[in-house]
N, C-alpha and C. Protein backbone atom coordinates (compact mmCIF):
# COMPACT_ATOMS: atom_id res chain seq x y z
N MET A 1 -1.66 -11.44 -6.33
CA MET A 1 -3.38 -10.95 -5.84
C MET A 1 -3.23 -9.50 -6.75
N GLN A 2 -4.54 -9.19 -6.70
CA GLN A 2 -4.46 -7.42 -7.09
C GLN A 2 -5.04 -7.17 -6.20
N TYR A 3 -4.76 -5.74 -6.80
CA TYR A 3 -4.78 -4.22 -6.05
C TYR A 3 -5.66 -4.47 -5.02
N ASP A 4 -6.91 -4.61 -5.87
CA ASP A 4 -8.64 -4.21 -5.26
C ASP A 4 -8.87 -5.68 -4.22
N ALA A 5 -8.56 -6.49 -4.68
CA ALA A 5 -8.41 -8.45 -3.89
C ALA A 5 -7.49 -7.81 -2.42
N LEU A 6 -7.00 -7.00 -2.37
CA LEU A 6 -5.67 -6.59 -1.14
C LEU A 6 -6.58 -5.63 -0.64
N MET A 7 -7.47 -4.34 -1.57
CA MET A 7 -8.30 -3.61 -0.37
C MET A 7 -9.21 -3.42 0.17
N ASP A 8 -9.96 -4.93 -0.38
CA ASP A 8 -11.58 -5.45 -0.08
C ASP A 8 -11.22 -6.84 1.26
N GLN A 9 -9.99 -7.11 1.02
CA GLN A 9 -9.34 -7.92 2.40
C GLN A 9 -8.84 -6.85 3.99
N SER A 10 -8.35 -5.74 3.32
CA SER A 10 -7.43 -4.94 4.19
C SER A 10 -9.07 -4.29 4.92
N THR A 11 -9.92 -3.81 3.96
CA THR A 11 -11.38 -3.47 4.45
C THR A 11 -12.33 -4.07 5.76
N SER A 12 -12.08 -5.61 4.94
CA SER A 12 -12.67 -6.21 5.79
C SER A 12 -12.33 -6.72 6.91
N ALA A 13 -10.70 -6.59 7.00
CA ALA A 13 -9.73 -6.80 8.18
C ALA A 13 -10.39 -5.30 9.49
N LEU A 14 -10.41 -4.89 8.72
CA LEU A 14 -10.41 -3.28 9.45
C LEU A 14 -12.24 -3.25 9.94
N ALA A 15 -12.77 -3.98 9.17
CA ALA A 15 -14.22 -3.78 9.49
C ALA A 15 -14.45 -4.52 10.51
N THR A 16 -13.81 -5.99 10.78
CA THR A 16 -13.81 -6.42 11.93
C THR A 16 -13.33 -6.12 13.30
N ALA A 17 -12.14 -6.11 12.97
CA ALA A 17 -12.16 -5.07 14.08
C ALA A 17 -12.77 -4.35 14.85
N ILE A 18 -12.78 -3.56 14.27
CA ILE A 18 -13.75 -2.17 14.33
C ILE A 18 -14.88 -2.47 15.05
N GLY A 19 -15.70 -3.48 14.67
CA GLY A 19 -16.70 -4.37 15.27
C GLY A 19 -16.67 -4.92 16.55
N SER A 20 -14.83 -6.07 16.85
CA SER A 20 -14.99 -6.43 17.73
C SER A 20 -14.85 -5.15 19.08
N ARG A 21 -14.06 -4.25 18.50
CA ARG A 21 -13.82 -3.16 19.81
C ARG A 21 -15.43 -2.40 20.06
N VAL A 22 -15.80 -2.10 19.74
CA VAL A 22 -17.10 -1.89 19.97
C VAL A 22 -18.15 -2.10 20.58
N ARG A 23 -17.72 -3.40 20.56
CA ARG A 23 -19.14 -4.45 20.94
C ARG A 23 -18.47 -4.92 22.39
N GLN A 24 -17.01 -4.83 22.22
CA GLN A 24 -16.24 -4.95 23.80
C GLN A 24 -15.94 -4.15 24.50
N GLU A 25 -16.95 -2.59 24.44
CA GLU A 25 -16.45 -1.08 24.52
C GLU A 25 -17.91 -1.02 25.37
N ARG A 26 -19.00 -1.77 23.89
CA ARG A 26 -20.12 -1.59 24.78
C ARG A 26 -20.76 -2.68 26.25
N GLN A 27 -19.81 -3.87 25.85
CA GLN A 27 -20.22 -4.98 26.60
C GLN A 27 -19.82 -4.48 28.66
N THR A 28 -18.46 -3.94 28.48
CA THR A 28 -17.65 -3.01 29.39
C THR A 28 -18.40 -2.89 30.36
N ARG A 29 -19.36 -1.68 29.23
CA ARG A 29 -20.49 -0.52 30.30
C ARG A 29 -21.73 -1.10 30.42
N GLY A 30 -21.44 -2.58 30.01
CA GLY A 30 -23.02 -2.99 29.99
C GLY A 30 -24.10 -2.59 29.35
N TRP A 31 -24.16 -1.96 28.76
CA TRP A 31 -25.03 -0.91 27.58
C TRP A 31 -25.75 -2.29 27.41
N THR A 32 -27.09 -2.33 26.70
CA THR A 32 -27.42 -3.22 25.17
C THR A 32 -27.23 -1.91 23.96
N LEU A 33 -27.63 -3.25 23.03
CA LEU A 33 -27.46 -2.49 21.75
C LEU A 33 -27.92 -1.08 21.71
N ASP A 34 -29.84 -1.15 22.08
CA ASP A 34 -30.43 -0.35 22.26
C ASP A 34 -29.95 1.43 23.01
N GLN A 35 -29.28 0.79 23.89
CA GLN A 35 -28.48 1.66 24.26
C GLN A 35 -27.13 2.59 23.88
N LEU A 36 -26.71 1.98 22.72
CA LEU A 36 -25.38 2.74 22.74
C LEU A 36 -26.25 3.26 21.48
N ALA A 37 -27.35 2.89 20.38
CA ALA A 37 -28.00 3.07 19.23
C ALA A 37 -28.11 4.49 19.79
N ASP A 38 -28.85 4.46 21.03
CA ASP A 38 -29.42 5.83 21.45
C ASP A 38 -28.36 7.01 21.49
N ALA A 39 -27.61 6.38 23.23
CA ALA A 39 -26.71 7.16 22.93
C ALA A 39 -25.46 7.98 21.93
N ALA A 40 -25.35 7.29 20.66
CA ALA A 40 -24.42 7.57 19.67
C ALA A 40 -25.83 8.56 18.57
N GLY A 41 -26.88 8.30 18.56
CA GLY A 41 -27.90 9.13 17.46
C GLY A 41 -27.91 8.19 16.06
N VAL A 42 -28.13 6.76 16.30
CA VAL A 42 -27.63 6.14 15.16
C VAL A 42 -28.82 4.90 15.40
N SER A 43 -28.76 4.28 14.53
CA SER A 43 -30.32 3.49 14.62
C SER A 43 -29.42 1.96 15.17
N ARG A 44 -30.37 1.03 15.82
CA ARG A 44 -29.83 -0.69 16.37
C ARG A 44 -28.93 -1.44 15.15
N ARG A 45 -30.06 -0.98 13.91
CA ARG A 45 -29.62 -2.04 13.10
C ARG A 45 -27.88 -1.66 12.68
N MET A 46 -27.67 -0.19 13.26
CA MET A 46 -26.45 0.06 12.35
C MET A 46 -25.61 -0.40 13.63
N VAL A 47 -25.81 -0.62 15.01
CA VAL A 47 -24.59 -0.69 15.37
C VAL A 47 -24.16 -2.27 15.77
N VAL A 48 -25.35 -3.19 14.93
CA VAL A 48 -25.74 -4.48 15.13
C VAL A 48 -24.48 -4.65 14.08
N ASN A 49 -24.43 -4.51 12.57
CA ASN A 49 -23.79 -4.14 11.16
C ASN A 49 -22.69 -4.05 11.86
N VAL A 50 -22.22 -2.87 12.72
CA VAL A 50 -21.02 -2.50 12.55
C VAL A 50 -20.40 -3.52 13.70
N GLU A 51 -20.94 -4.26 14.34
CA GLU A 51 -20.30 -4.83 15.30
C GLU A 51 -20.24 -6.62 15.38
N GLN A 52 -20.67 -6.57 13.99
CA GLN A 52 -20.75 -7.99 12.93
C GLN A 52 -19.28 -7.65 12.09
N GLY A 53 -18.74 -6.78 11.78
CA GLY A 53 -18.31 -6.03 10.80
C GLY A 53 -19.08 -6.26 9.56
N ALA A 54 -20.24 -6.09 9.39
CA ALA A 54 -21.26 -5.95 8.17
C ALA A 54 -21.57 -5.33 7.60
N ALA A 55 -21.21 -3.77 8.26
CA ALA A 55 -21.19 -2.16 7.55
C ALA A 55 -20.29 -1.74 6.77
N ASN A 56 -20.46 -0.93 6.67
CA ASN A 56 -18.87 -0.02 6.15
C ASN A 56 -20.06 1.46 6.09
N PRO A 57 -19.65 1.81 7.60
CA PRO A 57 -20.30 2.93 8.15
C PRO A 57 -19.03 3.73 7.75
N SER A 58 -19.73 5.59 7.65
CA SER A 58 -19.34 6.68 7.43
C SER A 58 -18.59 7.26 8.61
N VAL A 59 -16.93 8.49 8.27
CA VAL A 59 -16.25 8.36 9.14
C VAL A 59 -17.75 8.91 10.29
N GLY A 60 -18.58 9.82 9.80
CA GLY A 60 -19.49 10.26 11.30
C GLY A 60 -20.41 9.34 11.66
N THR A 61 -20.20 8.15 11.62
CA THR A 61 -21.29 7.44 12.25
C THR A 61 -20.40 6.32 12.99
N LEU A 62 -18.81 6.96 12.40
CA LEU A 62 -18.26 6.13 13.58
C LEU A 62 -17.14 7.05 14.84
N LEU A 63 -17.38 8.14 14.85
CA LEU A 63 -17.12 8.92 14.97
C LEU A 63 -18.37 9.30 15.99
N ARG A 64 -19.57 9.13 15.66
CA ARG A 64 -20.62 9.16 16.79
C ARG A 64 -20.63 7.45 18.30
N ILE A 65 -20.31 6.78 17.53
CA ILE A 65 -20.49 5.40 17.95
C ILE A 65 -19.11 5.71 18.60
N SER A 66 -17.93 6.21 18.40
CA SER A 66 -16.56 6.47 19.84
C SER A 66 -17.11 7.57 20.35
N ASP A 67 -17.35 8.41 20.12
CA ASP A 67 -17.84 9.23 20.97
C ASP A 67 -18.89 8.76 22.17
N ALA A 68 -19.26 8.11 21.91
CA ALA A 68 -20.67 7.58 23.14
C ALA A 68 -20.05 7.16 23.88
N LEU A 69 -18.90 6.20 23.47
CA LEU A 69 -18.57 4.96 23.86
C LEU A 69 -17.56 5.69 25.59
N GLY A 70 -16.83 7.47 24.65
CA GLY A 70 -15.82 7.73 25.25
C GLY A 70 -14.70 7.24 25.55
N ILE A 71 -14.35 6.87 23.85
CA ILE A 71 -13.23 6.62 23.56
C ILE A 71 -12.57 7.35 22.13
N GLY A 72 -13.42 7.85 21.67
CA GLY A 72 -12.66 8.69 20.44
C GLY A 72 -12.15 7.85 19.34
N LEU A 73 -12.34 7.88 18.15
CA LEU A 73 -11.93 7.70 17.02
C LEU A 73 -10.80 6.29 17.37
N PRO A 74 -9.23 7.24 17.80
CA PRO A 74 -8.28 6.51 16.87
C PRO A 74 -8.26 5.27 17.74
N ALA A 75 -8.92 5.51 19.02
CA ALA A 75 -9.25 4.13 20.48
C ALA A 75 -10.06 2.84 19.33
N LEU A 76 -11.08 3.52 18.65
CA LEU A 76 -11.76 2.36 18.06
C LEU A 76 -11.18 1.72 16.94
N VAL A 77 -10.97 2.31 16.16
CA VAL A 77 -9.64 1.64 14.78
C VAL A 77 -8.34 0.80 15.37
N ASP A 78 -7.66 0.95 16.71
CA ASP A 78 -6.82 0.33 17.35
C ASP A 78 -6.88 0.44 18.69
N ALA A 79 -6.19 -1.61 18.60
CA ALA A 79 -6.26 -1.50 19.66
C ALA A 79 -5.29 -0.59 21.42
N PRO A 80 -5.65 -1.36 22.27
CA PRO A 80 -4.55 -0.21 23.38
C PRO A 80 -3.63 -0.66 23.03
N ARG A 81 -2.15 -0.09 23.13
CA ARG A 81 -0.97 -0.43 23.40
C ARG A 81 -0.45 -0.52 24.85
N PRO A 82 0.14 -0.98 25.36
CA PRO A 82 0.95 -0.49 26.60
C PRO A 82 1.80 1.04 26.57
N ARG A 83 2.87 0.97 25.46
CA ARG A 83 3.67 2.08 25.42
C ARG A 83 3.19 2.73 25.08
N PRO A 84 3.93 4.53 25.41
CA PRO A 84 3.19 5.39 25.74
C PRO A 84 3.91 5.85 23.81
N VAL A 85 4.55 5.37 23.02
CA VAL A 85 5.44 6.06 22.01
C VAL A 85 3.99 4.78 20.46
N THR A 86 3.48 5.07 20.01
CA THR A 86 3.26 4.22 19.03
C THR A 86 3.23 4.99 17.68
N VAL A 87 4.04 3.76 16.69
CA VAL A 87 4.54 4.34 15.32
C VAL A 87 3.61 3.55 14.59
N THR A 88 3.08 4.62 13.54
CA THR A 88 2.56 3.97 12.50
C THR A 88 3.25 3.97 11.09
N ARG A 89 3.40 2.70 11.03
CA ARG A 89 4.56 2.47 9.46
C ARG A 89 3.56 2.76 8.59
N SER A 90 4.53 3.54 6.93
CA SER A 90 3.59 4.04 5.76
C SER A 90 2.76 2.76 4.99
N GLY A 91 1.34 2.79 4.91
CA GLY A 91 0.48 1.78 4.56
C GLY A 91 0.18 1.09 5.70
N ASP A 92 0.02 1.00 7.28
CA ASP A 92 -0.33 0.22 7.36
C ASP A 92 -1.73 1.43 8.73
N GLY A 93 -2.20 2.72 8.17
CA GLY A 93 -3.03 3.83 9.14
C GLY A 93 -4.07 2.94 8.73
N ALA A 94 -5.52 3.10 8.76
CA ALA A 94 -6.87 3.29 8.89
C ALA A 94 -7.42 3.69 8.12
N ALA A 95 -7.63 2.57 6.69
CA ALA A 95 -8.18 3.49 5.77
C ALA A 95 -9.81 3.70 5.86
N LEU A 96 -10.25 4.23 6.30
CA LEU A 96 -12.00 4.84 6.75
C LEU A 96 -12.88 5.95 5.87
N TRP A 97 -12.47 5.56 5.35
CA TRP A 97 -13.29 6.28 3.69
C TRP A 97 -12.03 6.69 2.58
N SER A 98 -13.30 5.70 1.29
CA SER A 98 -12.80 5.57 0.13
C SER A 98 -13.33 6.52 -0.96
N SER A 99 -13.30 6.50 -1.98
CA SER A 99 -14.06 6.49 -3.30
C SER A 99 -14.13 6.16 -4.04
N PRO A 100 -14.87 6.34 -4.91
CA PRO A 100 -15.04 4.88 -6.39
C PRO A 100 -13.92 4.63 -7.68
N ALA A 101 -13.00 6.76 -7.34
CA ALA A 101 -12.29 6.91 -8.39
C ALA A 101 -10.92 6.54 -7.39
N GLY A 102 -10.89 5.84 -6.01
CA GLY A 102 -9.70 5.58 -5.68
C GLY A 102 -9.51 6.69 -4.61
N GLY A 103 -9.85 7.51 -3.86
CA GLY A 103 -9.35 8.55 -3.32
C GLY A 103 -9.52 7.49 -1.91
N ARG A 104 -8.72 8.32 -0.74
CA ARG A 104 -8.84 7.58 0.14
C ARG A 104 -8.56 8.71 1.82
N GLY A 105 -9.19 8.10 2.52
CA GLY A 105 -8.70 8.75 3.55
C GLY A 105 -8.00 7.69 5.14
N VAL A 106 -7.14 8.01 5.45
CA VAL A 106 -6.60 7.33 6.14
C VAL A 106 -5.82 8.41 7.78
N LEU A 107 -6.77 7.37 8.55
CA LEU A 107 -5.99 7.75 9.78
C LEU A 107 -4.70 7.33 10.10
N VAL A 108 -3.75 7.62 10.15
CA VAL A 108 -2.44 7.50 10.51
C VAL A 108 -2.42 7.53 12.21
N ALA A 109 -2.75 8.28 13.06
CA ALA A 109 -2.29 8.60 14.08
C ALA A 109 -3.29 8.85 15.20
N GLY A 110 -3.16 8.67 16.06
CA GLY A 110 -4.23 10.03 16.90
C GLY A 110 -3.97 9.59 18.65
N THR A 111 -4.82 10.73 19.49
CA THR A 111 -4.41 10.14 20.78
C THR A 111 -5.49 9.41 21.75
N GLY A 112 -5.28 9.51 22.67
CA GLY A 112 -7.03 8.92 23.34
C GLY A 112 -7.40 9.72 24.05
N SER A 113 -8.81 9.60 24.78
CA SER A 113 -9.78 10.36 25.61
C SER A 113 -8.91 11.27 26.46
N PRO A 114 -9.20 12.07 27.17
CA PRO A 114 -10.80 12.69 26.86
C PRO A 114 -10.40 13.82 25.62
N ASP A 115 -9.43 14.40 25.41
CA ASP A 115 -8.62 14.76 24.54
C ASP A 115 -7.93 14.28 22.97
N VAL A 116 -8.98 14.07 22.50
CA VAL A 116 -8.35 13.14 21.17
C VAL A 116 -8.04 14.23 20.02
N VAL A 117 -6.96 14.01 19.68
CA VAL A 117 -6.17 15.25 18.34
C VAL A 117 -6.16 13.79 17.45
N GLU A 118 -6.59 13.76 16.20
CA GLU A 118 -6.47 12.96 15.29
C GLU A 118 -5.82 13.42 13.85
N LEU A 119 -4.54 12.43 13.56
CA LEU A 119 -3.83 12.98 12.21
C LEU A 119 -4.42 12.12 10.75
N TRP A 120 -5.15 12.58 10.22
CA TRP A 120 -5.06 12.03 8.83
C TRP A 120 -4.34 12.10 7.10
N ASP A 121 -4.33 11.40 6.57
CA ASP A 121 -3.66 11.45 5.67
C ASP A 121 -4.62 11.31 3.99
N TRP A 122 -5.38 12.38 3.68
CA TRP A 122 -6.24 11.75 2.60
C TRP A 122 -5.69 12.18 1.07
N THR A 123 -5.92 11.35 0.45
CA THR A 123 -6.46 11.67 -1.00
C THR A 123 -7.33 11.86 -1.94
N LEU A 124 -7.38 12.68 -2.46
CA LEU A 124 -8.71 13.31 -3.40
C LEU A 124 -8.51 12.86 -5.25
N GLU A 125 -8.91 11.86 -5.40
CA GLU A 125 -9.03 12.43 -6.94
C GLU A 125 -9.95 13.30 -7.46
N SER A 126 -9.44 12.90 -9.14
CA SER A 126 -10.34 14.32 -9.50
C SER A 126 -12.00 14.55 -9.51
N GLY A 127 -12.26 15.07 -8.71
CA GLY A 127 -13.82 15.29 -8.60
C GLY A 127 -14.20 14.65 -7.14
N ASP A 128 -13.11 14.09 -6.74
CA ASP A 128 -13.79 13.33 -5.58
C ASP A 128 -13.80 14.78 -4.45
N GLN A 129 -15.05 14.40 -3.80
CA GLN A 129 -15.20 15.46 -2.28
C GLN A 129 -15.90 14.24 -1.42
N HIS A 130 -15.75 14.74 0.13
CA HIS A 130 -16.02 13.97 0.95
C HIS A 130 -16.99 15.22 1.81
N GLU A 131 -17.80 14.78 2.41
CA GLU A 131 -19.03 15.94 2.82
C GLU A 131 -18.97 15.07 4.67
N SER A 132 -18.33 16.10 5.05
CA SER A 132 -18.80 15.80 6.69
C SER A 132 -20.02 16.79 7.28
N GLU A 133 -20.49 15.62 8.22
CA GLU A 133 -21.52 16.21 9.40
C GLU A 133 -21.08 17.47 10.40
N ALA A 134 -21.40 18.15 10.81
CA ALA A 134 -21.01 18.69 12.41
C ALA A 134 -20.26 17.32 13.63
N HIS A 135 -19.13 18.03 13.46
CA HIS A 135 -18.63 17.53 14.87
C HIS A 135 -18.85 17.16 16.06
N ALA A 136 -18.56 16.90 17.30
CA ALA A 136 -18.96 17.54 18.54
C ALA A 136 -18.84 18.82 18.82
N PRO A 137 -19.13 19.43 19.83
CA PRO A 137 -18.78 20.87 20.07
C PRO A 137 -17.27 21.26 20.67
N GLY A 138 -16.59 22.20 19.62
CA GLY A 138 -15.22 22.05 20.74
C GLY A 138 -14.19 22.14 19.68
N THR A 139 -14.30 21.13 18.33
CA THR A 139 -14.30 20.35 17.66
C THR A 139 -12.84 21.74 16.56
N LYS A 140 -12.07 21.14 16.59
CA LYS A 140 -11.01 22.05 15.61
C LYS A 140 -10.39 21.16 14.59
N GLU A 141 -10.35 21.96 13.14
CA GLU A 141 -9.32 21.20 12.01
C GLU A 141 -8.54 21.62 11.83
N LEU A 142 -6.96 21.40 11.06
CA LEU A 142 -6.22 21.72 10.83
C LEU A 142 -6.23 21.47 9.37
N LEU A 143 -5.57 22.09 8.04
CA LEU A 143 -6.14 21.25 7.19
C LEU A 143 -4.25 22.03 6.28
N GLN A 144 -3.82 21.14 5.53
CA GLN A 144 -2.52 21.64 4.88
C GLN A 144 -2.33 20.76 3.29
N VAL A 145 -2.68 21.26 2.20
CA VAL A 145 -2.09 20.70 1.31
C VAL A 145 -1.19 20.13 0.86
N ARG A 146 -0.70 18.76 0.37
CA ARG A 146 0.76 19.01 -0.33
C ARG A 146 0.62 18.73 -1.56
N ASP A 147 -0.29 18.54 -2.12
CA ASP A 147 -0.05 18.01 -3.62
C ASP A 147 -1.70 19.27 -4.39
N GLY A 148 -1.84 19.17 -5.19
CA GLY A 148 -2.77 19.56 -6.04
C GLY A 148 -3.22 20.58 -5.43
N SER A 149 -4.79 20.87 -5.72
CA SER A 149 -6.05 21.73 -5.41
C SER A 149 -7.54 21.19 -4.50
N VAL A 150 -7.34 21.73 -2.99
CA VAL A 150 -8.28 21.14 -2.65
C VAL A 150 -9.32 22.38 -2.03
N THR A 151 -10.69 22.37 -2.47
CA THR A 151 -11.91 23.68 -2.13
C THR A 151 -12.57 22.73 -0.56
N VAL A 152 -11.56 24.22 0.10
CA VAL A 152 -12.42 23.46 1.73
C VAL A 152 -14.01 24.21 1.79
N VAL A 153 -15.51 24.00 2.05
CA VAL A 153 -16.20 24.55 2.62
C VAL A 153 -16.91 24.51 3.91
N VAL A 154 -16.30 25.29 4.42
CA VAL A 154 -16.93 25.59 6.49
C VAL A 154 -18.16 25.99 6.55
N GLY A 155 -19.42 25.55 6.79
CA GLY A 155 -20.39 26.54 6.19
C GLY A 155 -20.72 26.68 5.14
N HIS A 156 -20.59 28.06 4.92
CA HIS A 156 -21.52 28.81 4.33
C HIS A 156 -20.36 29.35 3.78
N GLU A 157 -18.97 29.68 4.03
CA GLU A 157 -17.52 29.71 3.71
C GLU A 157 -16.77 28.69 2.67
N THR A 158 -16.37 29.28 1.38
CA THR A 158 -15.68 28.55 0.25
C THR A 158 -14.51 29.28 0.48
N PHE A 159 -12.98 28.11 1.15
CA PHE A 159 -11.60 28.48 0.36
C PHE A 159 -11.20 27.41 -0.64
N ILE A 160 -10.09 28.14 -1.63
CA ILE A 160 -9.62 27.13 -2.07
C ILE A 160 -7.97 27.80 -2.08
N LEU A 161 -7.39 25.91 -1.86
CA LEU A 161 -6.15 26.08 -1.03
C LEU A 161 -5.20 25.31 -2.78
N GLU A 162 -4.46 25.86 -2.47
CA GLU A 162 -3.33 24.81 -3.11
C GLU A 162 -2.27 24.33 -2.60
N ALA A 163 -1.54 23.89 -3.17
CA ALA A 163 0.09 22.99 -2.40
C ALA A 163 0.77 23.88 -1.84
N GLY A 164 0.64 23.70 -0.51
CA GLY A 164 1.12 24.43 0.36
C GLY A 164 0.40 24.96 1.21
N ASP A 165 -1.01 25.36 0.88
CA ASP A 165 -1.74 26.43 1.95
C ASP A 165 -2.16 25.53 2.77
N ALA A 166 -2.80 26.32 4.05
CA ALA A 166 -2.88 25.69 5.45
C ALA A 166 -4.11 26.69 5.45
N VAL A 167 -5.28 25.95 6.67
CA VAL A 167 -6.16 26.53 7.21
C VAL A 167 -6.36 26.00 8.50
N SER A 168 -7.19 26.50 9.46
CA SER A 168 -7.99 26.14 9.91
C SER A 168 -8.95 26.40 10.62
N PHE A 169 -10.06 26.07 10.86
CA PHE A 169 -11.31 26.03 11.49
C PHE A 169 -12.26 25.07 12.03
N PRO A 170 -13.69 25.67 12.66
CA PRO A 170 -13.92 24.85 13.78
C PRO A 170 -14.47 23.34 12.86
N GLY A 171 -14.44 22.44 13.88
CA GLY A 171 -14.96 21.11 12.91
C GLY A 171 -16.47 20.67 13.12
N ASP A 172 -17.12 21.81 14.25
CA ASP A 172 -18.36 21.77 14.51
C ASP A 172 -20.06 22.34 13.81
N VAL A 173 -19.25 22.38 12.73
CA VAL A 173 -20.21 23.40 11.53
C VAL A 173 -20.13 22.03 10.57
N GLU A 174 -21.16 21.97 9.71
CA GLU A 174 -20.52 21.24 8.49
C GLU A 174 -19.47 21.87 7.76
N HIS A 175 -19.10 20.73 6.74
CA HIS A 175 -17.84 21.01 6.43
C HIS A 175 -17.47 20.16 5.02
N SER A 176 -16.76 20.44 3.89
CA SER A 176 -16.35 19.36 2.79
C SER A 176 -15.18 19.67 2.46
N TYR A 177 -14.80 18.61 1.56
CA TYR A 177 -13.22 18.89 0.85
C TYR A 177 -13.85 18.54 -0.28
N THR A 178 -13.28 18.54 -1.13
CA THR A 178 -12.81 18.54 -2.78
C THR A 178 -12.01 18.68 -3.80
N ASN A 179 -12.07 17.70 -4.57
CA ASN A 179 -10.91 18.14 -5.72
C ASN A 179 -11.13 18.86 -6.78
N PRO A 180 -11.25 19.73 -7.35
CA PRO A 180 -11.70 20.31 -8.52
C PRO A 180 -10.84 19.97 -9.51
N GLY A 181 -9.78 19.99 -9.52
CA GLY A 181 -8.50 19.94 -10.66
C GLY A 181 -8.26 18.61 -11.28
N SER A 182 -7.34 18.62 -12.46
CA SER A 182 -7.92 17.16 -13.26
C SER A 182 -6.72 16.02 -12.86
N ASP A 183 -5.67 16.41 -11.64
CA ASP A 183 -4.87 15.42 -11.09
C ASP A 183 -5.13 15.48 -9.51
N PRO A 184 -4.70 14.62 -9.11
CA PRO A 184 -5.38 14.06 -7.94
C PRO A 184 -4.57 14.99 -6.99
N ALA A 185 -5.14 15.17 -5.48
CA ALA A 185 -4.77 16.14 -4.73
C ALA A 185 -4.30 15.08 -3.37
N ARG A 186 -3.91 15.41 -2.43
CA ARG A 186 -3.30 14.92 -1.20
C ARG A 186 -3.21 16.37 -0.35
N PHE A 187 -3.55 16.06 0.88
CA PHE A 187 -3.97 16.66 2.47
C PHE A 187 -2.92 16.28 3.48
N SER A 188 -2.95 16.57 4.79
CA SER A 188 -2.86 16.22 5.58
C SER A 188 -3.93 16.60 6.44
N LEU A 189 -4.86 16.30 7.86
CA LEU A 189 -5.53 16.95 7.92
C LEU A 189 -5.44 16.62 9.67
N ALA A 190 -5.47 17.20 10.94
CA ALA A 190 -5.11 17.10 11.73
C ALA A 190 -7.10 17.46 12.59
N VAL A 191 -7.49 16.83 13.50
CA VAL A 191 -8.99 17.22 14.29
C VAL A 191 -8.49 16.79 15.68
N PHE A 192 -9.11 18.25 16.30
CA PHE A 192 -9.08 17.81 17.59
C PHE A 192 -10.25 17.76 18.39
N GLU A 193 -10.93 17.14 19.14
CA GLU A 193 -12.06 16.66 19.84
C GLU A 193 -11.65 16.78 21.02
N PRO A 194 -12.16 18.43 22.15
CA PRO A 194 -12.01 18.20 22.92
C PRO A 194 -13.35 17.10 24.27
N GLY A 195 -12.78 16.91 25.29
CA GLY A 195 -13.39 16.50 26.07
C GLY A 195 -14.53 14.96 25.85
N VAL A 196 -13.71 14.28 25.30
CA VAL A 196 -14.33 13.16 24.59
C VAL A 196 -14.66 11.85 26.02
N GLY A 197 -16.16 11.68 26.37
CA GLY A 197 -16.04 11.23 27.05
C GLY A 197 -16.97 11.68 28.07
N SER A 198 -16.88 12.95 28.40
CA SER A 198 -17.81 13.85 29.15
C SER A 198 -19.08 13.90 29.30
N GLY A 199 -19.44 13.56 28.05
CA GLY A 199 -21.00 13.75 27.98
C GLY A 199 -21.94 14.88 27.00
N HIS A 200 -20.89 15.62 26.41
CA HIS A 200 -20.63 16.70 25.78
C HIS A 200 -21.86 16.21 24.57
N SER A 201 -21.08 14.91 24.04
CA SER A 201 -21.80 14.67 22.53
C SER A 201 -22.84 13.69 22.25
N THR A 202 -23.02 13.26 23.62
CA THR A 202 -24.56 12.65 23.91
C THR A 202 -25.52 13.56 23.75
N GLU A 203 -25.36 14.96 24.73
CA GLU A 203 -26.03 15.87 25.27
C GLU A 203 -26.63 16.77 23.39
N ALA A 204 -25.18 16.48 22.96
CA ALA A 204 -25.29 17.17 21.24
C ALA A 204 -26.26 16.60 20.55
N ASN A 205 -26.40 15.16 20.38
CA ASN A 205 -26.93 14.19 19.93
C ASN A 205 -28.60 13.88 20.15
N SER A 206 -28.72 13.88 21.50
CA SER A 206 -30.12 13.67 22.01
C SER A 206 -31.19 15.56 21.17
N GLU A 207 -29.52 16.52 21.53
CA GLU A 207 -30.37 18.13 21.38
C GLU A 207 -31.18 17.62 19.68
N ALA A 208 -30.02 16.82 18.81
CA ALA A 208 -30.40 16.89 17.39
C ALA A 208 -31.69 16.11 17.14
N ARG A 209 -31.27 15.62 17.84
CA ARG A 209 -32.54 14.48 17.15
C ARG A 209 -34.13 15.00 18.26
N LYS A 210 -33.63 16.17 19.28
CA LYS A 210 -34.71 16.44 19.68
C LYS A 210 -35.53 17.56 18.50
N ASP A 211 -34.74 18.90 18.05
CA ASP A 211 -34.86 19.14 16.80
C ASP A 211 -35.15 18.68 15.83
N SER A 212 -34.86 17.60 15.24
CA SER A 212 -35.36 16.99 13.96
C SER A 212 -36.96 16.66 14.12
N LYS A 213 -36.95 15.82 15.33
CA LYS A 213 -38.53 15.84 15.89
C LYS A 213 -39.42 17.35 15.99
N GLY A 214 -39.01 17.93 16.07
CA GLY A 214 -39.65 19.23 15.89
C GLY A 214 -39.68 20.63 14.82
N ASN A 215 -38.85 19.61 13.79
CA ASN A 215 -39.08 20.15 12.18
C ASN A 215 -40.04 19.06 11.48
C-alpha cells in the first residue's frame, strides 16, 4: 500500500475518533449542537461535520471546541486512560496539521485539564507556513528548532531561529511558523494553556464575536 493511502486511512481514523469524542462530551453535558457551536465560536455545520468525522478542521477549530468542552486538545484526540503514565510510540502521535508539500504537525503527548500542556513534533517542508490564531488568554508556547531554519512571527515581531535555537512567547496573540529554507525544518513545540474548563475560553470567544459584530 502506498504511503499516501496509509496517510489517508490514518487521517480518516483520527477524524472519526475525534468526532466520537466530541459527540460523547457534548451529550454528557446535555448540550445541543447549537450550544456547543456558540460556546466554541464556530458554526453549527462545523460541529456537525466534526462529529461525523467528515471535516478536516484546523488546529484552531479543534482548540476552540476542546476548550468549550473544558477538556483540552490532548483529551480530544486520545481516549481517557486509567493509568497516570501514557507512552506514545514513534509514529503513533495525532497528526493534526499537514501541508501539500508533506509538512506535519503531530501532537505526541499532553496532559488533562484544567492546566493543559501539549507537546508537538513539527516538520515544515521548504516554504511551508502554519498560521495560528490567538489561543486562550494566558497560553504560553516554547519552541526549539531541531533541524533547519524556522521563522517565528509573534504579533508584529519576527524571529529567525536556527538548529538548537529556542524561543518562548505568549500564545494568546496571533503567531506563525515558516520554513524559509530549501531543506526541511523540524522543531519541538510545547504549549501551556491554563484554566481549561474554567470559562475563560468561552468568555473570550464571546468577546471576540461582539468585537466582530461591532466592526
